[in-house]
Amino acid sequence: MVNRGNGRQRVFRDEGDYAAFLELIGGAIERTPMRVVGLCLMPNHLHMVLWPGADGELPRWMQWLMTSHVRRHHRRYRTSGHVWQGRYKSFPIQHRRPTASERSAGVVQTGDPVLDVLRYVERNPLRAKRVTAAEDWPWSSLAWWADPESAPAWWRADWVRRPDDWLDVVNRPQSKEELTALRLCVQRGRPYGGERWIKRFAAEHGLDSTLRPRGRPRK
């Protein structure tokens, strides 16, 4: 899930704004349970990797969170109008669960598209050159994973198991192909995962249009 400030304007202006938004996430979880797998709050946008328990939970959860945040923002800054550019953008992600043998051997799962997306999200501050190491950005789940004592009370690191060398993984640059594929999913709501899973999921959930190239079909 991603959303940006209206006109790409700054939404989080100081530490108080960041902290208040994290507190609101806790309130949203109390009302509608939500597994927050990862997130990153940036000055003018945010990314979250969310794992709903049932259909319909994500929009209900997001509506309360974003509406509550906008009200707080207007109260604090005595403003009105749009804070965010519009409805958030989201796309489904395949989660490759480890096999029984991997679990029994304690082997960390690899090839999980969720980890690809998490890497993209948690690397955001480094990609934007706001820090020299991604874990130094305090408003990110990567910082909490590296230092659990700094995490909000509602944060759980075990929704998806990260590899032991996760800091090194996140701090390594992603390829142009990886970034292009992920940004296409953000823009079009295209499912992200293995090709077979993508085609099956899109067909089952009416998302075939997200797989087709934009523009007029070739004659």
Protein backbone atom coordinates (compact mmCIF):
# COMPACT_ATOMS: atom_id res chain seq x y z
CA MET A 1 0.00 0.00 0.00
CA VAL A 2 1.27 3.47 -0.86
CA ASN A 3 -0.13 6.98 -0.56
CA ARG A 4 1.37 10.41 -1.14
CA GLY A 5 0.73 13.87 0.17
CA ASN A 6 -1.58 16.02 -1.95
CA GLY A 7 0.55 17.64 -4.63
CA ARG A 8 3.49 15.70 -3.14
CA GLN A 9 3.48 18.15 -0.25
CA ARG A 10 5.01 17.23 3.09
CA VAL A 11 2.61 15.37 5.40
CA PHE A 12 4.90 14.48 8.30
CA ARG A 13 6.56 17.72 9.36
CA ASP A 14 8.25 16.70 12.60
CA GLU A 15 8.73 13.81 15.01
CA GLY A 16 5.35 14.49 16.58
CA ASP A 17 3.59 13.86 13.27
CA TYR A 18 5.39 10.57 12.74
CA ALA A 19 4.77 9.39 16.29
CA ALA A 20 1.08 10.36 16.15
CA PHE A 21 0.56 8.38 12.96
CA LEU A 22 2.12 5.29 14.54
CA GLU A 23 -0.20 5.73 17.52
CA LEU A 24 -3.16 5.90 15.14
CA ILE A 25 -2.04 2.60 13.58
CA GLY A 26 -2.29 1.07 17.03
CA GLY A 27 -5.82 2.44 17.35
CA ALA A 28 -6.77 1.05 13.95
CA ILE A 29 -5.48 -2.39 14.95
CA GLU A 30 -7.61 -2.32 18.12
CA ARG A 31 -10.72 -1.67 16.01
CA THR A 32 -9.92 -4.01 13.12
CA PRO A 33 -7.08 -6.49 13.68
CA MET A 34 -4.42 -6.13 11.00
CA ARG A 35 -1.03 -7.74 10.56
CA VAL A 36 1.36 -4.89 9.74
CA VAL A 37 4.20 -6.81 8.10
CA GLY A 38 6.29 -3.72 7.38
CA LEU A 39 6.11 0.02 6.80
CA CYS A 40 8.08 3.15 6.09
CA LEU A 41 6.89 6.70 6.72
CA MET A 42 8.57 9.36 4.62
CA PRO A 43 8.02 13.14 4.77
CA ASN A 44 5.54 13.24 1.87
CA HIS A 45 4.44 9.62 1.46
CA LEU A 46 4.10 6.26 3.17
CA HIS A 47 4.43 2.58 2.35
CA MET A 48 2.84 -0.29 4.27
CA VAL A 49 2.83 -4.05 3.72
CA LEU A 50 -0.41 -5.29 5.27
CA TRP A 51 -1.87 -8.76 5.75
CA PRO A 52 -5.65 -8.67 6.27
CA GLY A 53 -7.44 -11.61 7.83
CA ALA A 54 -10.49 -11.47 5.55
CA ASP A 55 -11.95 -9.74 2.50
CA GLY A 56 -13.13 -6.21 3.20
CA GLU A 57 -10.86 -5.61 6.19
CA LEU A 58 -8.22 -3.59 4.35
CA PRO A 59 -10.48 -0.76 3.07
CA ARG A 60 -12.28 -0.53 6.44
CA TRP A 61 -8.98 -0.41 8.31
CA MET A 62 -7.46 2.14 5.96
CA GLN A 63 -10.53 4.37 5.98
CA TRP A 64 -10.45 4.74 9.76
CA LEU A 65 -6.68 5.29 9.82
CA MET A 66 -6.51 7.89 7.06
CA THR A 67 -9.65 9.74 8.17
CA SER A 68 -8.34 9.92 11.73
CA HIS A 69 -4.97 11.17 10.52
CA VAL A 70 -6.50 13.91 8.33
CA ARG A 71 -8.60 15.15 11.26
CA ARG A 72 -5.55 15.29 13.50
CA HIS A 73 -3.52 17.08 10.82
CA HIS A 74 -6.17 19.76 10.36
CA ARG A 75 -6.52 20.27 14.11
CA ARG A 76 -2.80 20.69 14.59
CA TYR A 77 -2.08 22.94 11.60
CA ARG A 78 -5.48 24.68 11.37
CA THR A 79 -5.89 23.73 7.76
CA SER A 80 -8.62 22.24 5.57
CA GLY A 81 -8.90 20.35 2.33
CA HIS A 82 -7.01 17.35 1.06
CA VAL A 83 -3.95 16.09 2.92
CA TRP A 84 -3.39 12.99 0.78
CA GLN A 85 -3.50 12.87 -2.99
CA GLY A 86 -6.50 10.56 -2.97
CA ARG A 87 -7.29 6.93 -2.28
CA TYR A 88 -4.28 4.79 -1.45
CA LYS A 89 -2.84 2.43 -4.06
CA SER A 90 -2.41 -1.24 -3.28
CA PHE A 91 -1.61 -4.55 -4.92
CA PRO A 92 -1.78 -8.20 -3.79
CA ILE A 93 1.43 -10.10 -3.02
CA GLN A 94 2.09 -13.82 -3.16
CA HIS A 95 3.45 -15.27 0.07
CA ARG A 96 5.54 -18.38 -0.46
CA ARG A 97 5.37 -20.35 2.76
CA PRO A 98 8.40 -22.45 3.77
CA THR A 99 8.15 -26.22 3.36
CA ALA A 100 7.89 -28.56 6.36
CA SER A 101 11.53 -29.57 5.90
CA GLU A 102 12.61 -25.92 5.85
CA ARG A 103 10.69 -25.22 9.05
CA SER A 104 12.08 -28.26 10.85
CA ALA A 105 15.64 -27.42 9.78
CA GLY A 106 15.22 -23.77 10.76
CA VAL A 107 16.10 -22.68 7.22
CA VAL A 108 15.04 -19.13 6.44
CA GLN A 109 12.65 -18.97 3.52
CA THR A 110 13.95 -17.57 0.26
CA GLY A 111 12.25 -16.61 -2.96
CA ASP A 112 9.34 -15.02 -1.09
CA PRO A 113 7.78 -12.10 -3.04
CA VAL A 114 6.76 -10.55 0.30
CA LEU A 115 10.44 -10.17 1.13
CA ASP A 116 11.01 -8.50 -2.25
CA VAL A 117 8.35 -5.92 -1.44
CA LEU A 118 9.57 -5.48 2.14
CA ARG A 119 13.06 -4.83 0.84
CA TYR A 120 11.70 -2.16 -1.50
CA VAL A 121 9.70 -0.53 1.30
CA GLU A 122 12.39 -0.62 3.99
CA ARG A 123 15.10 0.56 1.59
CA ASN A 124 13.12 3.68 0.72
CA PRO A 125 15.00 6.18 2.97
CA LEU A 126 18.36 4.98 1.65
CA ARG A 127 17.13 5.17 -1.93
CA ALA A 128 16.03 8.76 -1.23
CA LYS A 129 19.49 9.50 0.24
CA ARG A 130 18.11 10.56 3.61
CA VAL A 131 20.36 8.12 5.47
CA THR A 132 23.57 6.23 4.75
CA ALA A 133 22.16 2.96 6.13
CA ALA A 134 18.48 2.05 5.76
CA GLU A 135 18.11 0.99 9.40
CA ASP A 136 19.06 4.51 10.54
CA TRP A 137 15.64 5.86 9.49
CA PRO A 138 13.60 5.64 12.72
CA TRP A 139 10.15 5.63 11.09
CA SER A 140 10.57 2.27 9.42
CA SER A 141 9.97 -1.36 10.39
CA LEU A 142 13.60 -2.06 9.49
CA ALA A 143 14.76 0.12 12.38
CA TRP A 144 12.43 -1.77 14.72
CA TRP A 145 13.64 -5.13 13.45
CA ALA A 146 17.24 -4.04 14.08
CA ASP A 147 16.37 -2.58 17.51
CA PRO A 148 13.15 -4.12 18.90
CA GLU A 149 13.16 -1.80 21.92
CA SER A 150 12.50 1.14 19.59
CA ALA A 151 9.35 -0.46 18.13
CA PRO A 152 5.75 0.59 18.89
CA ALA A 153 3.82 -1.66 21.28
CA TRP A 154 1.68 -3.06 18.45
CA TRP A 155 4.65 -4.04 16.27
CA ARG A 156 5.38 -7.73 15.66
CA ALA A 157 8.39 -8.85 13.66
CA ASP A 158 7.25 -12.44 13.26
CA TRP A 159 4.44 -12.04 10.74
CA VAL A 160 7.06 -12.76 8.06
CA ARG A 161 10.48 -14.11 8.96
CA ARG A 162 13.34 -12.01 7.64
CA PRO A 163 16.73 -13.65 6.94
CA ASP A 164 19.46 -13.19 9.53
CA ASP A 165 21.43 -11.05 7.04
CA TRP A 166 18.40 -8.86 6.33
CA LEU A 167 20.23 -5.57 7.00
CA ASP A 168 22.80 -6.43 4.35
CA VAL A 169 20.05 -7.51 1.96
CA VAL A 170 18.11 -4.25 2.33
CA ASN A 171 21.19 -2.08 2.05
CA ARG A 172 22.24 -3.67 -1.25
CA PRO A 173 20.87 -1.86 -4.33
CA GLN A 174 17.93 -3.40 -6.14
CA SER A 175 18.23 -3.96 -9.86
CA LYS A 176 16.49 -1.73 -12.38
CA GLU A 177 14.30 -4.69 -13.37
CA GLU A 178 13.16 -5.25 -9.77
CA LEU A 179 12.30 -1.59 -9.29
CA THR A 180 10.43 -1.42 -12.59
CA ALA A 181 8.35 -4.51 -11.77
CA LEU A 182 7.42 -3.25 -8.30
CA ARG A 183 6.56 0.26 -9.47
CA LEU A 184 4.33 -1.22 -12.18
CA CYS A 185 2.43 -3.09 -9.48
CA VAL A 186 1.99 0.12 -7.49
CA GLN A 187 0.76 2.07 -10.51
CA ARG A 188 -1.64 -0.55 -11.85
CA GLY A 189 -2.61 -2.67 -8.85
CA ARG A 190 -0.96 -5.62 -10.57
CA PRO A 191 -0.43 -8.75 -8.44
CA TYR A 192 3.21 -9.42 -7.53
CA GLY A 193 4.67 -12.91 -7.38
CA GLY A 194 5.47 -15.87 -9.60
CA GLU A 195 4.09 -15.72 -13.14
CA ARG A 196 1.74 -18.71 -12.71
CA TRP A 197 0.40 -17.33 -9.46
CA ILE A 198 -0.07 -13.87 -10.99
CA LYS A 199 -2.14 -15.22 -13.90
CA ARG A 200 -4.25 -17.47 -11.67
CA PHE A 201 -4.85 -14.78 -9.03
CA ALA A 202 -5.71 -12.15 -11.65
CA ALA A 203 -8.21 -14.49 -13.33
CA GLU A 204 -9.85 -15.43 -10.02
CA HIS A 205 -10.17 -11.85 -8.78
CA GLY A 206 -11.01 -9.96 -11.98
CA LEU A 207 -7.60 -8.29 -12.31
CA ASP A 208 -6.81 -9.39 -15.87
CA SER A 209 -6.78 -5.77 -17.04
CA THR A 210 -3.78 -5.03 -14.79
CA LEU A 211 -1.71 -7.52 -16.81
CA ARG A 212 -2.44 -6.02 -20.21
CA PRO A 213 -0.32 -3.22 -21.71
CA ARG A 214 -1.93 0.19 -21.64
CA GLY A 215 -3.04 1.89 -24.82
CA ARG A 216 -4.82 0.67 -27.91
CA PRO A 217 -4.39 -3.00 -28.83
CA ARG A 218 -2.15 -3.71 -31.78
CA LYS A 219 -3.89 -4.41 -35.09
